[in-house]
Protein backbone atom coordinates (compact mmCIF):
# COMPACT_ATOMS: atom_id res chain seq x y z
CA MET A 1 151.70 60.35 115.72
CA ARG A 2 149.21 62.94 116.99
CA VAL A 3 145.82 63.06 115.26
CA GLY A 4 143.29 65.83 115.88
CA VAL A 5 139.66 65.31 114.95
CA ASP A 6 136.70 67.67 114.82
CA PHE A 7 133.52 66.52 116.59
CA ASP A 8 130.22 67.75 115.10
CA ASN A 9 129.57 66.45 111.58
CA THR A 10 132.95 64.71 111.55
CA ILE A 11 132.73 62.07 114.27
CA VAL A 12 129.02 62.53 114.88
CA SER A 13 126.32 62.45 112.21
CA TYR A 14 123.13 64.35 113.04
CA ASP A 15 121.20 63.60 109.85
CA ALA A 16 118.73 61.05 111.22
CA LEU A 17 118.30 62.88 114.53
CA PHE A 18 117.50 66.28 113.01
CA HIS A 19 114.95 64.65 110.71
CA LYS A 20 113.40 62.76 113.64
CA VAL A 21 113.13 65.87 115.82
CA ALA A 22 111.75 68.03 113.00
CA VAL A 23 109.05 65.44 112.25
CA GLU A 24 108.20 65.24 115.97
CA GLN A 25 107.81 69.01 116.06
CA GLY A 26 105.65 68.97 112.93
CA VAL A 27 107.81 71.48 111.04
CA ILE A 28 108.75 69.28 108.07
CA PRO A 29 106.98 66.60 106.03
CA ALA A 30 108.12 63.08 106.92
CA SER A 31 108.96 62.53 103.25
CA LEU A 32 111.78 65.07 103.38
CA PRO A 33 115.22 63.46 102.87
CA GLN A 34 116.78 62.39 106.16
CA THR A 35 119.65 64.85 106.22
CA LYS A 36 120.47 67.78 108.43
CA LEU A 37 120.91 70.05 105.41
CA ALA A 38 117.52 69.09 104.00
CA VAL A 39 115.86 70.03 107.31
CA ARG A 40 117.77 73.30 107.50
CA ASP A 41 117.05 74.30 103.92
CA HIS A 42 113.34 73.45 104.23
CA LEU A 43 112.95 75.58 107.38
CA ARG A 44 114.83 78.47 105.81
CA ARG A 45 112.62 78.36 102.73
CA GLN A 46 109.63 78.57 105.06
CA GLY A 47 111.10 81.63 106.80
CA GLN A 48 111.64 79.66 110.02
CA GLU A 49 115.27 80.48 110.75
CA ASP A 50 114.54 80.86 114.48
CA VAL A 51 112.93 77.41 114.55
CA TRP A 52 116.08 75.98 112.97
CA THR A 53 118.36 77.82 115.42
CA GLU A 54 116.41 76.63 118.46
CA MET A 55 116.27 73.10 117.09
CA GLN A 56 120.06 73.01 116.90
CA GLY A 57 120.34 73.85 120.60
CA TYR A 58 117.76 71.18 121.44
CA VAL A 59 119.47 68.48 119.35
CA TYR A 60 123.00 69.32 120.53
CA GLY A 61 121.78 69.57 124.11
CA ALA A 62 118.74 67.60 125.31
CA ARG A 63 118.81 65.04 122.48
CA MET A 64 122.57 64.69 122.02
CA GLU A 65 122.70 61.15 123.42
CA GLU A 66 120.57 59.93 120.49
CA ALA A 67 123.09 61.08 117.87
CA GLU A 68 125.05 58.42 116.00
CA ALA A 69 128.69 58.18 115.04
CA TYR A 70 129.49 58.11 111.35
CA PRO A 71 130.02 54.55 110.13
CA GLY A 72 133.61 53.56 110.75
CA ALA A 73 134.46 56.40 113.14
CA ILE A 74 134.50 54.24 116.25
CA GLU A 75 136.40 51.51 114.40
CA PHE A 76 139.04 54.10 113.51
CA MET A 77 139.32 55.13 117.16
CA GLN A 78 139.68 51.49 118.19
CA TRP A 79 142.43 50.95 115.64
CA ALA A 80 144.20 54.15 116.69
CA ALA A 81 144.11 53.08 120.33
CA ALA A 82 145.55 49.67 119.41
CA GLN A 83 148.35 51.42 117.50
CA GLU A 84 148.93 53.76 120.46
CA LEU A 85 148.28 56.83 118.34
CA ALA A 86 147.45 59.98 120.29
CA VAL A 87 143.95 61.10 119.28
CA PHE A 88 142.58 64.51 120.30
CA ILE A 89 139.08 65.84 119.76
CA ILE A 90 139.35 69.56 119.02
CA SER A 91 136.15 71.33 118.09
CA HIS A 92 134.36 74.62 118.56
CA LYS A 93 130.84 75.28 119.77
CA THR A 94 129.06 77.73 122.01
CA LEU A 95 128.52 76.73 125.61
CA HIS A 96 124.77 77.44 125.42
CA PRO A 97 122.28 77.74 122.52
CA PHE A 98 121.58 81.16 121.03
CA ILE A 99 117.82 80.64 121.40
CA GLY A 100 115.76 78.54 123.79
CA PRO A 101 116.65 76.65 126.98
CA ARG A 102 120.25 77.03 128.15
CA HIS A 103 121.44 73.47 127.55
CA ASP A 104 125.08 72.81 128.42
CA LEU A 105 126.28 71.92 124.93
CA HIS A 106 129.84 71.16 126.00
CA GLY A 107 128.66 68.90 128.78
CA ALA A 108 126.26 67.03 126.47
CA ALA A 109 129.03 66.44 123.94
CA ARG A 110 131.44 65.20 126.60
CA LEU A 111 128.82 62.76 127.89
CA TRP A 112 128.30 61.46 124.35
CA ILE A 113 132.05 60.89 124.02
CA GLU A 114 132.18 59.15 127.40
CA HIS A 115 129.29 56.84 126.50
CA HIS A 116 130.00 56.13 122.82
CA LEU A 117 133.76 56.34 122.25
CA ARG A 118 134.59 53.28 124.29
CA ASP A 119 136.03 49.84 123.79
CA GLY A 120 134.56 47.99 126.73
CA ALA A 121 135.82 49.67 129.88
CA ARG A 122 138.49 51.65 128.01
CA ALA A 123 137.91 55.21 126.81
CA LEU A 124 139.06 55.58 123.21
CA VAL A 125 139.83 59.28 123.74
CA ARG A 126 140.96 60.49 127.15
CA ALA A 127 138.80 63.18 128.77
CA GLU A 128 141.83 65.46 129.04
CA ASP A 129 142.36 65.17 125.28
CA VAL A 130 138.94 66.61 124.43
CA TYR A 131 138.78 70.35 123.74
CA PHE A 132 135.65 72.36 122.97
CA GLU A 133 136.65 75.92 122.15
CA LEU A 134 134.21 78.81 121.91
CA THR A 135 135.47 80.24 118.60
CA LYS A 136 137.10 79.06 115.39
CA GLU A 137 140.16 81.16 116.22
CA GLU A 138 140.60 79.40 119.57
CA LYS A 139 140.12 76.06 117.83
CA LEU A 140 142.93 76.84 115.40
CA ARG A 141 145.22 77.88 118.23
CA ARG A 142 144.42 74.65 120.07
CA ILE A 143 145.32 72.54 117.03
CA GLY A 144 148.70 74.27 117.04
CA ALA A 145 149.18 74.02 120.80
CA VAL A 146 148.46 70.29 120.75
CA ALA A 147 150.96 69.96 117.87
CA CYS A 148 148.75 67.72 115.76
CA ASP A 149 150.55 65.93 112.95
CA TYR A 150 147.17 65.51 111.22
CA TYR A 151 143.81 67.20 111.64
CA ILE A 152 140.45 65.98 110.26
CA ASP A 153 137.51 68.38 109.82
CA ASP A 154 134.38 68.76 107.70
CA LEU A 155 134.88 72.52 107.26
CA PRO A 156 137.22 73.68 104.48
CA GLU A 157 137.36 77.15 106.02
CA ILE A 158 139.11 75.70 109.08
CA LEU A 159 141.63 73.68 107.08
CA LEU A 160 142.30 76.56 104.66
CA ALA A 161 142.43 79.29 107.31
CA PRO A 162 145.59 81.44 107.26
CA ASP A 163 146.20 80.52 110.91
CA PHE A 164 145.93 76.76 110.37
CA PRO A 165 149.21 75.30 111.70
CA GLY A 166 151.74 74.91 108.92
CA ASN A 167 153.18 71.69 110.34
CA THR A 168 149.80 69.93 110.47
CA ARG A 169 148.52 67.87 107.56
CA SER A 170 144.85 68.61 106.85
CA ILE A 171 142.18 66.08 105.86
CA LEU A 172 138.73 67.19 104.75
CA PHE A 173 135.95 64.77 105.75
CA ASP A 174 133.28 65.19 103.07
CA PRO A 175 130.87 62.23 103.06
CA GLU A 176 128.30 63.94 100.83
CA VAL A 177 130.93 65.47 98.51
CA HIS A 178 129.64 68.98 99.21
CA HIS A 179 133.08 70.51 98.67
CA ASP A 180 134.19 68.90 95.43
CA GLY A 181 137.40 70.56 94.31
CA ALA A 182 138.11 72.30 97.63
CA GLY A 183 141.49 73.64 96.64
CA THR A 184 144.49 71.51 97.53
CA LEU A 185 142.83 69.72 100.43
CA SER A 186 143.08 65.99 100.81
CA CYS A 187 139.41 64.90 100.77
CA MET A 188 138.01 61.66 102.13
CA CYS A 189 134.38 60.54 101.94
CA SER A 190 134.28 57.92 104.68
CA TRP A 191 135.98 56.79 107.85
CA LYS A 192 136.86 53.61 106.04
CA ASP A 193 138.96 55.71 103.66
CA ILE A 194 140.50 57.58 106.59
CA LEU A 195 141.44 54.32 108.29
CA SER A 196 143.05 53.02 105.10
CA TYR A 197 145.00 56.26 104.76
CA PHE A 198 146.37 56.11 108.31
CA ARG A 199 147.24 52.45 108.02
CA GLN A 200 149.38 53.35 105.03
CA GLU A 201 150.88 56.33 106.86
CA CYS A 202 151.81 54.12 109.81
CA ARG A 203 153.44 51.56 107.50
CA SER A 204 155.45 54.26 105.76
CA ILE A 205 157.02 55.60 108.97
CA ARG A 206 157.85 52.23 110.53
């Protein structure tokens, strides 16, 4: 079984980190809800789109190591490794931020994976199985080239794209239920649910 997984906002949660950085920079009140969307929406209401854009580059670059995995994500990776499932991280992001210092966003993400997706000395996802593509189109082609049996993403537009591989089962990760009723997609709100789903899938094919 070959399982592809998106990275940003699927494995990694940035909610607490964006709130922390925005408070440090003095651009939001500390009482604002601790979510990435709350920070974004507040800055946009204040006409500070450029501040938000530069903050993204800073968080995904210089502060990436402080980001946390979603609860249960690492446990899923550990279980998958024990079951000898092939797990691939397939995501898309620019190499450098649009505004501000030219952080290496791909390098920062790879370091996070190396440091956090581990079980002792063992890497839970091999370095050669991590792909950061520059565009959504390249990401979709990579999902097909890797021949994923399943692919997990937080973006419905990826899973519903006309070029999404027809032989790949799609799973929408939607912890805040932002996409209620997203067409025919199989939606899951937690990594605990995803783990339960794959346990059942493994039992059904053995």
